[in-house]
Amino acid sequence: MDYQTWQVIVYPSSTVTKNLTLRIVGFPGSLRFDHPTDLLVNSGRKNWELKDITRKSKVEFETLNDSAAEFDIGPLIADLDKNRPLRLSLPGLINDLPIPPYLVSEWRTLVQ
């Protein structure tokens, strides 16, 4: 366990498309994300690598600081056929951040 506090948010990236963005925010000053760093997601035998889109988002919304990162979660959600538990990791920052099935269920409803 990392013994860090994280906030994980999934939201639609626009009102026109059904693309979703996953934002991870750490306590400001305690860490710094180096961009681009892709997010690794594991669920049993399945693995995904989500693209870091923070720089693109930062140009659009100057509110992101160095303790936040954003990822395109669309490919992962499209690939899921069940509400399975997920494990997130970012090399050098997050070793294992568990996401429970009920949260995955909520994320999946955002594209319906």
C-alpha atoms as a PDB file:
ATOM      1  CA  MET A   1       0.000   0.000   0.000  1.00  0.00           C
ATOM      2  CA  ASP A   2       1.213   3.498  -0.803  1.00  0.00           C
ATOM      3  CA  TYR A   3      -0.259   5.174   2.318  1.00  0.00           C
ATOM      4  CA  GLN A   4      -1.203   8.136   0.143  1.00  0.00           C
ATOM      5  CA  THR A   5      -4.564   9.813  -0.221  1.00  0.00           C
ATOM      6  CA  TRP A   6      -5.935   9.922  -3.765  1.00  0.00           C
ATOM      7  CA  GLN A   7      -9.040  11.294  -5.361  1.00  0.00           C
ATOM      8  CA  VAL A   8     -10.241   9.437  -8.454  1.00  0.00           C
ATOM      9  CA  ILE A   9     -12.853  11.101 -10.662  1.00  0.00           C
ATOM     10  CA  VAL A  10     -14.384   9.917 -13.944  1.00  0.00           C
ATOM     11  CA  TYR A  11     -16.329  12.439 -16.001  1.00  0.00           C
ATOM     12  CA  PRO A  12     -17.534  12.925 -19.587  1.00  0.00           C
ATOM     13  CA  SER A  13     -14.948  14.961 -21.498  1.00  0.00           C
ATOM     14  CA  SER A  14     -17.664  16.745 -23.495  1.00  0.00           C
ATOM     15  CA  THR A  15     -21.411  16.971 -23.722  1.00  0.00           C
ATOM     16  CA  VAL A  16     -21.345  15.944 -27.385  1.00  0.00           C
ATOM     17  CA  THR A  17     -19.344  12.709 -27.243  1.00  0.00           C
ATOM     18  CA  LYS A  18     -19.432   9.850 -24.786  1.00  0.00           C
ATOM     19  CA  ASN A  19     -15.668  10.007 -24.191  1.00  0.00           C
ATOM     20  CA  LEU A  20     -14.673   9.654 -20.548  1.00  0.00           C
ATOM     21  CA  THR A  21     -11.726  11.099 -18.678  1.00  0.00           C
ATOM     22  CA  LEU A  22     -10.258   9.668 -15.476  1.00  0.00           C
ATOM     23  CA  ARG A  23      -8.572  12.215 -13.214  1.00  0.00           C
ATOM     24  CA  ILE A  24      -6.289  11.191 -10.358  1.00  0.00           C
ATOM     25  CA  VAL A  25      -5.408  13.870  -7.826  1.00  0.00           C
ATOM     26  CA  GLY A  26      -2.887  13.494  -5.022  1.00  0.00           C
ATOM     27  CA  PHE A  27      -2.326  15.766  -2.055  1.00  0.00           C
ATOM     28  CA  PRO A  28      -0.656  18.940  -3.465  1.00  0.00           C
ATOM     29  CA  GLY A  29       2.999  19.233  -2.588  1.00  0.00           C
ATOM     30  CA  SER A  30       3.417  15.576  -1.670  1.00  0.00           C
ATOM     31  CA  LEU A  31       3.985  14.330  -5.224  1.00  0.00           C
ATOM     32  CA  ARG A  32       4.507  15.480  -8.757  1.00  0.00           C
ATOM     33  CA  PHE A  33       3.307  13.683 -11.865  1.00  0.00           C
ATOM     34  CA  ASP A  34       5.732  13.604 -14.782  1.00  0.00           C
ATOM     35  CA  HIS A  35       3.778  13.826 -18.029  1.00  0.00           C
ATOM     36  CA  PRO A  36       3.203  11.847 -20.075  1.00  0.00           C
ATOM     37  CA  THR A  37       3.013   8.746 -17.876  1.00  0.00           C
ATOM     38  CA  ASP A  38       0.462   6.154 -18.935  1.00  0.00           C
ATOM     39  CA  LEU A  39      -1.785   4.560 -16.318  1.00  0.00           C
ATOM     40  CA  LEU A  40      -1.589   0.787 -15.988  1.00  0.00           C
ATOM     41  CA  VAL A  41      -4.847  -0.982 -15.162  1.00  0.00           C
ATOM     42  CA  ASN A  42      -5.159  -4.643 -14.207  1.00  0.00           C
ATOM     43  CA  SER A  43      -8.151  -6.885 -13.610  1.00  0.00           C
ATOM     44  CA  GLY A  44      -7.293 -10.542 -13.249  1.00  0.00           C
ATOM     45  CA  ARG A  45      -5.671 -11.612 -16.514  1.00  0.00           C
ATOM     46  CA  LYS A  46      -6.698  -8.445 -18.377  1.00  0.00           C
ATOM     47  CA  ASN A  47      -4.438  -5.412 -18.626  1.00  0.00           C
ATOM     48  CA  TRP A  48      -4.906  -1.963 -20.113  1.00  0.00           C
ATOM     49  CA  GLU A  49      -2.629   1.008 -20.633  1.00  0.00           C
ATOM     50  CA  LEU A  50      -4.505   4.315 -20.536  1.00  0.00           C
ATOM     51  CA  LYS A  51      -2.987   7.292 -22.330  1.00  0.00           C
ATOM     52  CA  ASP A  52      -1.985  10.340 -20.300  1.00  0.00           C
ATOM     53  CA  ILE A  53      -3.960  13.290 -21.723  1.00  0.00           C
ATOM     54  CA  THR A  54      -3.052  15.785 -18.984  1.00  0.00           C
ATOM     55  CA  ARG A  55      -1.132  18.162 -21.236  1.00  0.00           C
ATOM     56  CA  LYS A  56      -4.064  18.414 -23.638  1.00  0.00           C
ATOM     57  CA  SER A  57      -6.453  19.022 -20.729  1.00  0.00           C
ATOM     58  CA  LYS A  58      -4.100  21.523 -19.109  1.00  0.00           C
ATOM     59  CA  VAL A  59      -4.137  23.653 -22.269  1.00  0.00           C
ATOM     60  CA  GLU A  60      -7.936  23.698 -22.146  1.00  0.00           C
ATOM     61  CA  PHE A  61      -8.298  24.054 -18.358  1.00  0.00           C
ATOM     62  CA  GLU A  62      -5.393  25.783 -16.637  1.00  0.00           C
ATOM     63  CA  THR A  63      -6.714  24.540 -13.286  1.00  0.00           C
ATOM     64  CA  LEU A  64      -4.692  21.306 -13.271  1.00  0.00           C
ATOM     65  CA  ASN A  65      -1.575  21.367 -11.122  1.00  0.00           C
ATOM     66  CA  ASP A  66       1.407  19.004 -10.906  1.00  0.00           C
ATOM     67  CA  SER A  67      -0.395  16.758  -8.403  1.00  0.00           C
ATOM     68  CA  ALA A  68      -3.113  15.840 -10.930  1.00  0.00           C
ATOM     69  CA  ALA A  69      -3.146  13.637 -14.006  1.00  0.00           C
ATOM     70  CA  GLU A  70      -5.841  12.812 -16.555  1.00  0.00           C
ATOM     71  CA  PHE A  71      -6.262   9.706 -18.678  1.00  0.00           C
ATOM     72  CA  ASP A  72      -8.500   8.556 -21.518  1.00  0.00           C
ATOM     73  CA  ILE A  73     -10.564   5.809 -19.840  1.00  0.00           C
ATOM     74  CA  GLY A  74     -12.842   5.237 -22.848  1.00  0.00           C
ATOM     75  CA  PRO A  75     -11.007   2.167 -24.233  1.00  0.00           C
ATOM     76  CA  LEU A  76     -11.132   0.471 -20.822  1.00  0.00           C
ATOM     77  CA  ILE A  77     -14.849   1.122 -20.281  1.00  0.00           C
ATOM     78  CA  ALA A  78     -15.656  -0.027 -23.821  1.00  0.00           C
ATOM     79  CA  ASP A  79     -13.746  -3.275 -23.207  1.00  0.00           C
ATOM     80  CA  LEU A  80     -15.479  -4.114 -19.910  1.00  0.00           C
ATOM     81  CA  ASP A  81     -18.486  -6.420 -20.041  1.00  0.00           C
ATOM     82  CA  LYS A  82     -18.769  -6.793 -16.239  1.00  0.00           C
ATOM     83  CA  ASN A  83     -18.288  -4.655 -13.165  1.00  0.00           C
ATOM     84  CA  ARG A  84     -14.960  -6.179 -12.229  1.00  0.00           C
ATOM     85  CA  PRO A  85     -12.538  -4.836  -9.597  1.00  0.00           C
ATOM     86  CA  LEU A  86      -9.642  -2.882 -11.061  1.00  0.00           C
ATOM     87  CA  ARG A  87      -6.140  -2.115  -9.855  1.00  0.00           C
ATOM     88  CA  LEU A  88      -4.468   1.108 -10.999  1.00  0.00           C
ATOM     89  CA  SER A  89      -0.749   1.798 -10.994  1.00  0.00           C
ATOM     90  CA  LEU A  90       1.535   4.591 -12.138  1.00  0.00           C
ATOM     91  CA  PRO A  91       5.237   3.682 -12.251  1.00  0.00           C
ATOM     92  CA  GLY A  92       7.084   5.367  -9.399  1.00  0.00           C
ATOM     93  CA  LEU A  93       3.947   6.980  -7.910  1.00  0.00           C
ATOM     94  CA  ILE A  94       1.109   4.522  -7.335  1.00  0.00           C
ATOM     95  CA  ASN A  95       1.885   0.860  -6.755  1.00  0.00           C
ATOM     96  CA  ASP A  96      -1.651  -0.434  -6.302  1.00  0.00           C
ATOM     97  CA  LEU A  97      -4.819   1.651  -6.141  1.00  0.00           C
ATOM     98  CA  PRO A  98      -7.860  -0.662  -5.900  1.00  0.00           C
ATOM     99  CA  ILE A  99     -11.134   0.324  -7.574  1.00  0.00           C
ATOM    100  CA  PRO A 100     -14.139  -1.695  -6.308  1.00  0.00           C
ATOM    101  CA  PRO A 101     -16.785  -3.149  -8.666  1.00  0.00           C
ATOM    102  CA  TYR A 102     -19.530  -0.755  -7.489  1.00  0.00           C
ATOM    103  CA  LEU A 103     -17.414   2.199  -8.664  1.00  0.00           C
ATOM    104  CA  VAL A 104     -16.717   0.516 -12.007  1.00  0.00           C
ATOM    105  CA  SER A 105     -20.501   0.080 -12.332  1.00  0.00           C
ATOM    106  CA  GLU A 106     -20.995   3.836 -11.849  1.00  0.00           C
ATOM    107  CA  TRP A 107     -18.341   4.618 -14.461  1.00  0.00           C
ATOM    108  CA  ARG A 108     -19.977   2.275 -16.967  1.00  0.00           C
ATOM    109  CA  THR A 109     -23.345   4.017 -16.556  1.00  0.00           C
ATOM    110  CA  LEU A 110     -21.767   7.295 -17.752  1.00  0.00           C
ATOM    111  CA  VAL A 111     -21.578   5.978 -21.336  1.00  0.00           C
ATOM    112  CA  GLN A 112     -25.119   4.601 -21.521  1.00  0.00           C
END
